[in-house]
Amino acid sequence: MRFLKNRLELVVLLVAMLAGLSITLIDQVTSESGRSATAAVGGSGPNDVWAVGESGTCLHWTGSSWAKVNAGTTQRLAAVWVSTAGEVWAGGATGVLSGTLVHAPSGGTFSPVGGLPAVNYSAMWGSAANDIWMVGAGGTIVHYDGSNWSTSPSPTANDLSDVSGTSASNVWIAGANGTVLHLVLGSWQVVTSNTSTHLEAIFATGSDVWASGNGTTLHGQGGPLVPVPGPDYYVRDMWGTSPSDIWAVETWGVMHHYNGSIWQRVTSGASSWYNGIWGASATDVWAVGDDGVIQHYAP
């Protein structure tokens, strides 16, 4: 994600339709040196959405517009998680060994957090403000208990790409070489994925678990994951509200939606790579990506 330095620019609204789904391009962030990119998006509600990316850039949506926020770092931010009270955590890295984590209390300013393994972090998920997971290179898994971050024993040395869950006791991780991990009784267990491809995204909802990457889509319900028909491009992120409402964002502006029975391709109006997706509800969904793409689904 290459990022914003000085200004926000509104662009033309675009609307596309497919199978009753409309994607509206709300706005686009640019910098004087060129287009910016956003790596991850998250929030606590419709009027509190955060997007992070290159060079420590951080954007905040308050319900009517995006504003730049000083994240207190120039490192790349690849992950963001926001508590229901508006507390924001953002993590990432630039370079081979330079882990980055910044934190802002609700309504406060960002400050760096030290003491974590110096690796590239890629994703973050939490069930509550005192139960947050972050994953990264070399099988790194770290956990926040409301007071401190600590390293969690990992059963793999493979790079980890994404983390998702439905509760404090049901958390899933995906990564390189078909890695899938599941938190069982407080420890991470390897789950059979029946693939060796790099899994970029994982999403848990109800008893269902979806994972995808490089044209491969997997599905399971508590046990081994198996290949199933799904998005045909390189999935970058997944998010949803229920087993019958799941989104997948991919390369080259490709987007799919799962309605509980089939995956349907959605015409998004974008051509750049997507990097992240998150929503406040089934009718309030944000997708972010390269070239300053920030899109909003609000039918």
C-alpha atoms as a PDB file:
ATOM      1  CA  MET A   1       0.000   0.000   0.000  1.00  0.00           C
ATOM      2  CA  ARG A   2       1.441   3.205  -1.210  1.00  0.00           C
ATOM      3  CA  PHE A   3      -0.129   6.091   0.610  1.00  0.00           C
ATOM      4  CA  LEU A   4      -1.585   9.522   1.119  1.00  0.00           C
ATOM      5  CA  LYS A   5       0.603  12.438   2.174  1.00  0.00           C
ATOM      6  CA  ASN A   6      -1.281  15.654   1.712  1.00  0.00           C
ATOM      7  CA  ARG A   7      -4.832  15.489   0.455  1.00  0.00           C
ATOM      8  CA  LEU A   8      -7.996  13.542  -0.204  1.00  0.00           C
ATOM      9  CA  GLU A   9      -9.581  13.697  -3.635  1.00  0.00           C
ATOM     10  CA  LEU A  10     -13.127  12.753  -4.423  1.00  0.00           C
ATOM     11  CA  VAL A  11     -13.649  10.819  -7.616  1.00  0.00           C
ATOM     12  CA  VAL A  12     -16.622   9.993  -9.766  1.00  0.00           C
ATOM     13  CA  LEU A  13     -19.192   7.671  -8.261  1.00  0.00           C
ATOM     14  CA  LEU A  14     -19.365   4.339 -10.050  1.00  0.00           C
ATOM     15  CA  VAL A  15     -22.182   1.847  -9.700  1.00  0.00           C
ATOM     16  CA  ALA A  16     -22.130  -1.724 -10.988  1.00  0.00           C
ATOM     17  CA  MET A  17     -24.802  -4.365 -10.720  1.00  0.00           C
ATOM     18  CA  LEU A  18     -24.696  -8.154 -10.612  1.00  0.00           C
ATOM     19  CA  ALA A  19     -27.188 -10.515  -9.020  1.00  0.00           C
ATOM     20  CA  GLY A  20     -28.739  -7.661  -7.085  1.00  0.00           C
ATOM     21  CA  LEU A  21     -25.424  -6.480  -5.605  1.00  0.00           C
ATOM     22  CA  SER A  22     -24.262  -2.905  -6.105  1.00  0.00           C
ATOM     23  CA  ILE A  23     -20.730  -1.683  -5.512  1.00  0.00           C
ATOM     24  CA  THR A  24     -20.274   2.062  -5.230  1.00  0.00           C
ATOM     25  CA  LEU A  25     -16.832   3.642  -5.432  1.00  0.00           C
ATOM     26  CA  ILE A  26     -17.025   6.314  -2.749  1.00  0.00           C
ATOM     27  CA  ASP A  27     -13.657   8.008  -2.939  1.00  0.00           C
ATOM     28  CA  GLN A  28      -9.992   7.558  -3.629  1.00  0.00           C
ATOM     29  CA  VAL A  29      -6.907   8.701  -1.773  1.00  0.00           C
ATOM     30  CA  THR A  30      -3.975  10.059  -3.752  1.00  0.00           C
ATOM     31  CA  SER A  31      -0.654  11.694  -3.071  1.00  0.00           C
ATOM     32  CA  GLU A  32       1.303  14.197  -5.076  1.00  0.00           C
ATOM     33  CA  SER A  33       3.831  11.517  -5.974  1.00  0.00           C
ATOM     34  CA  GLY A  34       1.149   9.141  -7.292  1.00  0.00           C
ATOM     35  CA  ARG A  35      -1.631   6.824  -6.302  1.00  0.00           C
ATOM     36  CA  SER A  36      -1.772   5.424  -2.832  1.00  0.00           C
ATOM     37  CA  ALA A  37      -2.737   1.933  -1.723  1.00  0.00           C
ATOM     38  CA  THR A  38      -4.571   0.627   1.314  1.00  0.00           C
ATOM     39  CA  ALA A  39      -3.677  -2.746   2.877  1.00  0.00           C
ATOM     40  CA  ALA A  40      -6.341  -3.398   5.491  1.00  0.00           C
ATOM     41  CA  VAL A  41      -9.637  -2.043   6.771  1.00  0.00           C
ATOM     42  CA  GLY A  42     -11.559  -2.489  10.028  1.00  0.00           C
ATOM     43  CA  GLY A  43     -13.786  -0.619  12.411  1.00  0.00           C
ATOM     44  CA  SER A  44     -16.196  -0.601  15.301  1.00  0.00           C
ATOM     45  CA  GLY A  45     -19.264   0.587  13.405  1.00  0.00           C
ATOM     46  CA  PRO A  46     -20.569   2.530  10.399  1.00  0.00           C
ATOM     47  CA  ASN A  47     -19.115   5.829  11.619  1.00  0.00           C
ATOM     48  CA  ASP A  48     -15.783   4.477  12.832  1.00  0.00           C
ATOM     49  CA  VAL A  49     -13.843   2.777  10.011  1.00  0.00           C
ATOM     50  CA  TRP A  50     -10.045   2.677   9.684  1.00  0.00           C
ATOM     51  CA  ALA A  51      -7.841   1.925   6.667  1.00  0.00           C
ATOM     52  CA  VAL A  52      -4.065   1.500   6.917  1.00  0.00           C
ATOM     53  CA  GLY A  53      -1.203   1.089   4.475  1.00  0.00           C
ATOM     54  CA  GLU A  54       2.246   2.138   3.272  1.00  0.00           C
ATOM     55  CA  SER A  55       4.606   4.459   5.152  1.00  0.00           C
ATOM     56  CA  GLY A  56       2.462   4.392   8.272  1.00  0.00           C
ATOM     57  CA  THR A  57      -0.491   5.979   6.546  1.00  0.00           C
ATOM     58  CA  CYS A  58      -3.752   5.715   8.461  1.00  0.00           C
ATOM     59  CA  LEU A  59      -7.200   6.938   7.362  1.00  0.00           C
ATOM     60  CA  HIS A  60     -10.337   7.335   9.463  1.00  0.00           C
ATOM     61  CA  TRP A  61     -13.943   7.397   8.229  1.00  0.00           C
ATOM     62  CA  THR A  62     -16.324   9.148  10.620  1.00  0.00           C
ATOM     63  CA  GLY A  63     -19.514   8.735   8.618  1.00  0.00           C
ATOM     64  CA  SER A  64     -19.141  11.448   5.986  1.00  0.00           C
ATOM     65  CA  SER A  65     -15.496  11.629   4.873  1.00  0.00           C
ATOM     66  CA  TRP A  66     -12.028  10.127   5.199  1.00  0.00           C
ATOM     67  CA  ALA A  67      -9.351  11.981   7.159  1.00  0.00           C
ATOM     68  CA  LYS A  68      -5.644  11.323   7.521  1.00  0.00           C
ATOM     69  CA  VAL A  69      -4.468  10.351  11.034  1.00  0.00           C
ATOM     70  CA  ASN A  70      -0.882  10.355  12.271  1.00  0.00           C
ATOM     71  CA  ALA A  71      -0.134   6.734  13.219  1.00  0.00           C
ATOM     72  CA  GLY A  72       3.212   7.615  14.780  1.00  0.00           C
ATOM     73  CA  THR A  73       5.231   5.422  12.420  1.00  0.00           C
ATOM     74  CA  THR A  74       6.604   5.430   8.872  1.00  0.00           C
ATOM     75  CA  GLN A  75       6.554   1.644   8.679  1.00  0.00           C
ATOM     76  CA  ARG A  76       4.111  -0.233   6.479  1.00  0.00           C
ATOM     77  CA  LEU A  77       0.871  -1.068   8.272  1.00  0.00           C
ATOM     78  CA  ALA A  78      -0.723  -4.272   6.984  1.00  0.00           C
ATOM     79  CA  ALA A  79      -3.308  -5.054   9.672  1.00  0.00           C
ATOM     80  CA  VAL A  80      -5.857  -3.170  11.723  1.00  0.00           C
ATOM     81  CA  TRP A  81      -8.328  -4.131  14.436  1.00  0.00           C
ATOM     82  CA  VAL A  82     -10.776  -1.883  16.291  1.00  0.00           C
ATOM     83  CA  SER A  83     -12.596  -2.699  19.522  1.00  0.00           C
ATOM     84  CA  THR A  84     -16.282  -1.973  20.033  1.00  0.00           C
ATOM     85  CA  ALA A  85     -15.202   1.005  22.178  1.00  0.00           C
ATOM     86  CA  GLY A  86     -13.101   2.449  19.348  1.00  0.00           C
ATOM     87  CA  GLU A  87      -9.652   1.373  20.538  1.00  0.00           C
ATOM     88  CA  VAL A  88      -7.406   0.907  17.482  1.00  0.00           C
ATOM     89  CA  TRP A  89      -4.486  -1.456  16.920  1.00  0.00           C
ATOM     90  CA  ALA A  90      -2.459  -1.478  13.689  1.00  0.00           C
ATOM     91  CA  GLY A  91       0.445  -3.746  12.838  1.00  0.00           C
ATOM     92  CA  GLY A  92       2.800  -4.511   9.981  1.00  0.00           C
ATOM     93  CA  ALA A  93       6.412  -4.040   8.909  1.00  0.00           C
ATOM     94  CA  THR A  94       8.840  -2.874   6.274  1.00  0.00           C
ATOM     95  CA  GLY A  95      11.959  -4.864   5.588  1.00  0.00           C
ATOM     96  CA  VAL A  96      13.029  -8.302   6.663  1.00  0.00           C
ATOM     97  CA  LEU A  97      13.200  -7.908  10.424  1.00  0.00           C
ATOM     98  CA  SER A  98      11.244  -4.911  11.634  1.00  0.00           C
ATOM     99  CA  GLY A  99       7.953  -5.759  13.276  1.00  0.00           C
ATOM    100  CA  THR A 100       5.664  -2.782  13.867  1.00  0.00           C
ATOM    101  CA  LEU A 101       2.695  -2.315  16.187  1.00  0.00           C
ATOM    102  CA  VAL A 102       0.966   0.949  17.092  1.00  0.00           C
ATOM    103  CA  HIS A 103      -1.987   1.571  19.366  1.00  0.00           C
ATOM    104  CA  ALA A 104      -4.475   4.362  19.982  1.00  0.00           C
ATOM    105  CA  PRO A 105      -7.036   4.427  22.807  1.00  0.00           C
ATOM    106  CA  SER A 106     -10.507   5.523  21.822  1.00  0.00           C
ATOM    107  CA  GLY A 107     -10.279   9.180  20.843  1.00  0.00           C
ATOM    108  CA  GLY A 108      -6.559   9.261  21.598  1.00  0.00           C
ATOM    109  CA  THR A 109      -3.333   9.398  19.605  1.00  0.00           C
ATOM    110  CA  PHE A 110      -1.210   6.522  18.339  1.00  0.00           C
ATOM    111  CA  SER A 111       1.961   5.419  20.073  1.00  0.00           C
ATOM    112  CA  PRO A 112       4.379   2.562  19.296  1.00  0.00           C
ATOM    113  CA  VAL A 113       4.259  -0.723  21.184  1.00  0.00           C
ATOM    114  CA  GLY A 114       7.543  -2.568  21.719  1.00  0.00           C
ATOM    115  CA  GLY A 115       8.669  -5.976  22.858  1.00  0.00           C
ATOM    116  CA  LEU A 116       7.243  -8.032  19.996  1.00  0.00           C
ATOM    117  CA  PRO A 117       9.204 -10.398  17.736  1.00  0.00           C
ATOM    118  CA  ALA A 118      10.750  -8.387  14.885  1.00  0.00           C
ATOM    119  CA  VAL A 119       8.993  -9.974  11.925  1.00  0.00           C
ATOM    120  CA  ASN A 120       6.598  -8.857   9.204  1.00  0.00           C
ATOM    121  CA  TYR A 121       3.063  -8.961  10.602  1.00  0.00           C
ATOM    122  CA  SER A 122       0.211  -9.552   8.169  1.00  0.00           C
ATOM    123  CA  ALA A 123      -3.144  -9.798   9.954  1.00  0.00           C
ATOM    124  CA  MET A 124      -4.961  -9.172  13.216  1.00  0.00           C
ATOM    125  CA  TRP A 125      -8.248 -10.328  14.742  1.00  0.00           C
ATOM    126  CA  GLY A 126      -9.822 -10.114  18.173  1.00  0.00           C
ATOM    127  CA  SER A 127     -12.910 -11.341  19.973  1.00  0.00           C
ATOM    128  CA  ALA A 128     -12.662  -8.485  22.490  1.00  0.00           C
ATOM    129  CA  ALA A 129     -10.325  -5.738  23.671  1.00  0.00           C
ATOM    130  CA  ASN A 130      -8.588  -8.259  25.957  1.00  0.00           C
ATOM    131  CA  ASP A 131      -8.291 -11.034  23.356  1.00  0.00           C
ATOM    132  CA  ILE A 132      -6.433  -9.980  20.192  1.00  0.00           C
ATOM    133  CA  TRP A 133      -4.307 -12.144  17.899  1.00  0.00           C
ATOM    134  CA  MET A 134      -1.703 -11.013  15.363  1.00  0.00           C
ATOM    135  CA  VAL A 135       0.182 -13.295  12.941  1.00  0.00           C
ATOM    136  CA  GLY A 136       3.202 -12.928  10.701  1.00  0.00           C
ATOM    137  CA  ALA A 137       6.335 -14.353   9.137  1.00  0.00           C
ATOM    138  CA  GLY A 138       8.052 -17.519  10.308  1.00  0.00           C
ATOM    139  CA  GLY A 139       4.946 -18.876  12.022  1.00  0.00           C
ATOM    140  CA  THR A 140       4.854 -15.966  14.477  1.00  0.00           C
ATOM    141  CA  ILE A 141       1.707 -15.704  16.607  1.00  0.00           C
ATOM    142  CA  VAL A 142       1.307 -13.044  19.297  1.00  0.00           C
ATOM    143  CA  HIS A 143      -1.592 -12.425  21.688  1.00  0.00           C
ATOM    144  CA  TYR A 144      -2.875  -9.476  23.711  1.00  0.00           C
ATOM    145  CA  ASP A 145      -4.696 -10.200  26.986  1.00  0.00           C
ATOM    146  CA  GLY A 146      -5.814  -6.668  27.751  1.00  0.00           C
ATOM    147  CA  SER A 147      -2.564  -5.748  29.489  1.00  0.00           C
ATOM    148  CA  ASN A 148       0.372  -7.273  27.618  1.00  0.00           C
ATOM    149  CA  TRP A 149       1.366  -8.781  24.292  1.00  0.00           C
ATOM    150  CA  SER A 150       3.067 -12.179  24.434  1.00  0.00           C
ATOM    151  CA  THR A 151       4.310 -14.752  21.949  1.00  0.00           C
ATOM    152  CA  SER A 152       2.121 -17.824  21.568  1.00  0.00           C
ATOM    153  CA  PRO A 153       3.768 -21.211  20.860  1.00  0.00           C
ATOM    154  CA  SER A 154       3.341 -21.971  17.152  1.00  0.00           C
ATOM    155  CA  PRO A 155       3.368 -25.443  15.578  1.00  0.00           C
ATOM    156  CA  THR A 156       4.703 -24.123  12.255  1.00  0.00           C
ATOM    157  CA  ALA A 157       7.561 -22.070  10.840  1.00  0.00           C
ATOM    158  CA  ASN A 158       5.588 -21.209   7.707  1.00  0.00           C
ATOM    159  CA  ASP A 159       4.661 -17.577   7.084  1.00  0.00           C
ATOM    160  CA  LEU A 160       1.164 -16.819   8.364  1.00  0.00           C
ATOM    161  CA  SER A 161      -1.171 -14.616   6.321  1.00  0.00           C
ATOM    162  CA  ASP A 162      -4.502 -14.261   8.060  1.00  0.00           C
ATOM    163  CA  VAL A 163      -6.420 -14.887  11.274  1.00  0.00           C
ATOM    164  CA  SER A 164     -10.163 -15.050  11.934  1.00  0.00           C
ATOM    165  CA  GLY A 165     -12.538 -16.380  14.550  1.00  0.00           C
ATOM    166  CA  THR A 166     -16.025 -16.450  15.981  1.00  0.00           C
ATOM    167  CA  SER A 167     -15.130 -16.358  19.687  1.00  0.00           C
ATOM    168  CA  ALA A 168     -12.188 -16.508  22.064  1.00  0.00           C
ATOM    169  CA  SER A 169     -12.225 -20.309  21.817  1.00  0.00           C
ATOM    170  CA  ASN A 170     -12.704 -20.635  18.055  1.00  0.00           C
ATOM    171  CA  VAL A 171      -9.847 -18.923  16.200  1.00  0.00           C
ATOM    172  CA  TRP A 172      -8.296 -19.942  12.861  1.00  0.00           C
ATOM    173  CA  ILE A 173      -5.060 -19.034  11.062  1.00  0.00           C
ATOM    174  CA  ALA A 174      -3.976 -19.598   7.440  1.00  0.00           C
ATOM    175  CA  GLY A 175      -0.628 -19.272   5.710  1.00  0.00           C
ATOM    176  CA  ALA A 176       2.020 -20.593   3.346  1.00  0.00           C
ATOM    177  CA  ASN A 177       2.209 -24.196   2.101  1.00  0.00           C
ATOM    178  CA  GLY A 178      -1.436 -24.821   2.886  1.00  0.00           C
ATOM    179  CA  THR A 179      -1.010 -24.045   6.587  1.00  0.00           C
ATOM    180  CA  VAL A 180      -4.221 -23.996   8.614  1.00  0.00           C
ATOM    181  CA  LEU A 181      -4.160 -23.737  12.414  1.00  0.00           C
ATOM    182  CA  HIS A 182      -7.024 -23.954  14.912  1.00  0.00           C
ATOM    183  CA  LEU A 183      -7.007 -22.859  18.555  1.00  0.00           C
ATOM    184  CA  VAL A 184      -8.006 -25.908  20.606  1.00  0.00           C
ATOM    185  CA  LEU A 185      -8.156 -25.669  24.417  1.00  0.00           C
ATOM    186  CA  GLY A 186      -5.746 -22.751  24.386  1.00  0.00           C
ATOM    187  CA  SER A 187      -3.110 -24.258  22.057  1.00  0.00           C
ATOM    188  CA  TRP A 188      -2.634 -24.128  18.296  1.00  0.00           C
ATOM    189  CA  GLN A 189      -3.209 -27.345  16.370  1.00  0.00           C
ATOM    190  CA  VAL A 190      -2.411 -28.077  12.723  1.00  0.00           C
ATOM    191  CA  VAL A 191      -5.514 -28.794  10.612  1.00  0.00           C
ATOM    192  CA  THR A 192      -5.386 -30.844   7.414  1.00  0.00           C
ATOM    193  CA  SER A 193      -6.017 -28.522   4.475  1.00  0.00           C
ATOM    194  CA  ASN A 194      -5.525 -30.919   1.556  1.00  0.00           C
ATOM    195  CA  THR A 195      -3.468 -28.328  -0.308  1.00  0.00           C
ATOM    196  CA  SER A 196       0.079 -26.982  -0.428  1.00  0.00           C
ATOM    197  CA  THR A 197      -0.841 -23.639  -1.954  1.00  0.00           C
ATOM    198  CA  HIS A 198      -0.265 -20.342  -0.150  1.00  0.00           C
ATOM    199  CA  LEU A 199      -3.482 -19.505   1.690  1.00  0.00           C
ATOM    200  CA  GLU A 200      -3.799 -15.739   1.829  1.00  0.00           C
ATOM    201  CA  ALA A 201      -7.197 -15.496   3.543  1.00  0.00           C
ATOM    202  CA  ILE A 202      -9.280 -17.339   6.120  1.00  0.00           C
ATOM    203  CA  PHE A 203     -12.732 -16.552   7.489  1.00  0.00           C
ATOM    204  CA  ALA A 204     -14.726 -18.281  10.227  1.00  0.00           C
ATOM    205  CA  THR A 205     -18.474 -17.847  10.682  1.00  0.00           C
ATOM    206  CA  GLY A 206     -20.785 -20.077  12.670  1.00  0.00           C
ATOM    207  CA  SER A 207     -19.426 -23.610  12.284  1.00  0.00           C
ATOM    208  CA  ASP A 208     -18.030 -22.850   8.828  1.00  0.00           C
ATOM    209  CA  VAL A 209     -14.417 -22.077   7.940  1.00  0.00           C
ATOM    210  CA  TRP A 210     -13.326 -20.799   4.521  1.00  0.00           C
ATOM    211  CA  ALA A 211      -9.750 -20.379   3.334  1.00  0.00           C
ATOM    212  CA  SER A 212      -8.465 -19.313  -0.052  1.00  0.00           C
ATOM    213  CA  GLY A 213      -5.432 -18.325  -2.076  1.00  0.00           C
ATOM    214  CA  ASN A 214      -3.944 -18.639  -5.547  1.00  0.00           C
ATOM    215  CA  GLY A 215      -7.158 -19.903  -7.137  1.00  0.00           C
ATOM    216  CA  THR A 216      -7.817 -22.536  -4.442  1.00  0.00           C
ATOM    217  CA  THR A 217     -10.827 -22.336  -2.126  1.00  0.00           C
ATOM    218  CA  LEU A 218     -11.228 -24.573   0.923  1.00  0.00           C
ATOM    219  CA  HIS A 219     -14.175 -25.188   3.230  1.00  0.00           C
ATOM    220  CA  GLY A 220     -14.610 -27.070   6.482  1.00  0.00           C
ATOM    221  CA  GLN A 221     -16.810 -27.348   9.539  1.00  0.00           C
ATOM    222  CA  GLY A 222     -14.502 -27.980  12.458  1.00  0.00           C
ATOM    223  CA  GLY A 223     -12.445 -30.738  10.844  1.00  0.00           C
ATOM    224  CA  PRO A 224     -10.148 -30.958   7.814  1.00  0.00           C
ATOM    225  CA  LEU A 225     -10.639 -28.368   5.074  1.00  0.00           C
ATOM    226  CA  VAL A 226     -11.326 -29.663   1.570  1.00  0.00           C
ATOM    227  CA  PRO A 227     -11.184 -27.970  -1.866  1.00  0.00           C
ATOM    228  CA  VAL A 228     -14.529 -26.708  -3.128  1.00  0.00           C
ATOM    229  CA  PRO A 229     -15.686 -24.523  -6.055  1.00  0.00           C
ATOM    230  CA  GLY A 230     -15.081 -20.880  -5.230  1.00  0.00           C
ATOM    231  CA  PRO A 231     -13.438 -17.627  -6.327  1.00  0.00           C
ATOM    232  CA  ASP A 232     -11.161 -18.280  -9.302  1.00  0.00           C
ATOM    233  CA  TYR A 233      -8.663 -15.448  -8.819  1.00  0.00           C
ATOM    234  CA  TYR A 234      -6.031 -14.889  -6.136  1.00  0.00           C
ATOM    235  CA  VAL A 235      -8.087 -14.104  -3.033  1.00  0.00           C
ATOM    236  CA  ARG A 236      -6.537 -11.432  -0.817  1.00  0.00           C
ATOM    237  CA  ASP A 237      -9.074 -11.247   2.005  1.00  0.00           C
ATOM    238  CA  MET A 238     -12.458 -12.583   3.132  1.00  0.00           C
ATOM    239  CA  TRP A 239     -15.154 -11.236   5.442  1.00  0.00           C
ATOM    240  CA  GLY A 240     -18.834 -11.796   6.092  1.00  0.00           C
ATOM    241  CA  THR A 241     -21.721 -11.610   8.526  1.00  0.00           C
ATOM    242  CA  SER A 242     -23.007 -15.202   8.368  1.00  0.00           C
ATOM    243  CA  PRO A 243     -22.543 -18.528   6.552  1.00  0.00           C
ATOM    244  CA  SER A 244     -24.808 -17.158   3.812  1.00  0.00           C
ATOM    245  CA  ASP A 245     -23.147 -13.737   3.447  1.00  0.00           C
ATOM    246  CA  ILE A 246     -19.418 -13.893   2.717  1.00  0.00           C
ATOM    247  CA  TRP A 247     -17.268 -11.633   0.553  1.00  0.00           C
ATOM    248  CA  ALA A 248     -13.919 -12.402  -1.086  1.00  0.00           C
ATOM    249  CA  VAL A 249     -11.741  -9.693  -2.651  1.00  0.00           C
ATOM    250  CA  GLU A 250      -9.088 -10.612  -5.164  1.00  0.00           C
ATOM    251  CA  THR A 251      -6.523  -9.357  -7.651  1.00  0.00           C
ATOM    252  CA  TRP A 252      -7.387  -7.132 -10.628  1.00  0.00           C
ATOM    253  CA  GLY A 253     -10.575  -5.753  -9.129  1.00  0.00           C
ATOM    254  CA  VAL A 254     -12.256  -9.153  -8.896  1.00  0.00           C
ATOM    255  CA  MET A 255     -14.771  -9.675  -6.106  1.00  0.00           C
ATOM    256  CA  HIS A 256     -17.030 -12.600  -5.214  1.00  0.00           C
ATOM    257  CA  HIS A 257     -19.984 -13.026  -2.860  1.00  0.00           C
ATOM    258  CA  TYR A 258     -21.269 -16.261  -1.302  1.00  0.00           C
ATOM    259  CA  ASN A 259     -24.999 -16.512  -0.610  1.00  0.00           C
ATOM    260  CA  GLY A 260     -24.962 -19.810   1.247  1.00  0.00           C
ATOM    261  CA  SER A 261     -25.195 -21.904  -1.897  1.00  0.00           C
ATOM    262  CA  ILE A 262     -22.864 -20.549  -4.578  1.00  0.00           C
ATOM    263  CA  TRP A 263     -20.093 -17.999  -5.078  1.00  0.00           C
ATOM    264  CA  GLN A 264     -21.135 -15.218  -7.478  1.00  0.00           C
ATOM    265  CA  ARG A 265     -18.748 -12.846  -9.197  1.00  0.00           C
ATOM    266  CA  VAL A 266     -19.536  -9.183  -8.546  1.00  0.00           C
ATOM    267  CA  THR A 267     -18.776  -6.394 -10.985  1.00  0.00           C
ATOM    268  CA  SER A 268     -16.919  -3.884  -8.854  1.00  0.00           C
ATOM    269  CA  GLY A 269     -15.883  -1.210 -11.337  1.00  0.00           C
ATOM    270  CA  ALA A 270     -12.281  -1.481 -10.121  1.00  0.00           C
ATOM    271  CA  SER A 271      -9.258  -2.968 -11.894  1.00  0.00           C
ATOM    272  CA  SER A 272      -6.623  -2.751  -9.172  1.00  0.00           C
ATOM    273  CA  TRP A 273      -5.698  -5.414  -6.633  1.00  0.00           C
ATOM    274  CA  TYR A 274      -7.857  -5.539  -3.536  1.00  0.00           C
ATOM    275  CA  ASN A 275      -6.095  -6.060  -0.206  1.00  0.00           C
ATOM    276  CA  GLY A 276      -8.765  -6.009   2.486  1.00  0.00           C
ATOM    277  CA  ILE A 277     -12.479  -6.095   3.243  1.00  0.00           C
ATOM    278  CA  TRP A 278     -14.565  -5.440   6.367  1.00  0.00           C
ATOM    279  CA  GLY A 279     -18.096  -4.366   7.147  1.00  0.00           C
ATOM    280  CA  ALA A 280     -20.196  -2.926   9.924  1.00  0.00           C
ATOM    281  CA  SER A 281     -23.154  -5.000   8.690  1.00  0.00           C
ATOM    282  CA  ALA A 282     -24.403  -6.944   5.682  1.00  0.00           C
ATOM    283  CA  THR A 283     -25.390  -3.660   4.029  1.00  0.00           C
ATOM    284  CA  ASP A 284     -22.353  -1.599   5.018  1.00  0.00           C
ATOM    285  CA  VAL A 285     -19.161  -3.131   3.606  1.00  0.00           C
ATOM    286  CA  TRP A 286     -15.808  -1.540   2.740  1.00  0.00           C
ATOM    287  CA  ALA A 287     -13.135  -2.884   0.370  1.00  0.00           C
ATOM    288  CA  VAL A 288      -9.665  -1.353   0.001  1.00  0.00           C
ATOM    289  CA  GLY A 289      -6.723  -1.930  -2.312  1.00  0.00           C
ATOM    290  CA  ASP A 290      -3.985  -0.653  -4.580  1.00  0.00           C
ATOM    291  CA  ASP A 291      -4.177   2.568  -6.610  1.00  0.00           C
ATOM    292  CA  GLY A 292      -6.116   4.293  -3.855  1.00  0.00           C
ATOM    293  CA  VAL A 293      -9.203   2.136  -4.199  1.00  0.00           C
ATOM    294  CA  ILE A 294     -11.657   2.489  -1.309  1.00  0.00           C
ATOM    295  CA  GLN A 295     -15.096   1.076  -2.137  1.00  0.00           C
ATOM    296  CA  HIS A 296     -18.308   0.993  -0.174  1.00  0.00           C
ATOM    297  CA  TYR A 297     -21.223  -1.419  -0.582  1.00  0.00           C
ATOM    298  CA  ALA A 298     -24.378   0.207   0.778  1.00  0.00           C
ATOM    299  CA  PRO A 299     -27.479  -0.953  -1.137  1.00  0.00           C
END
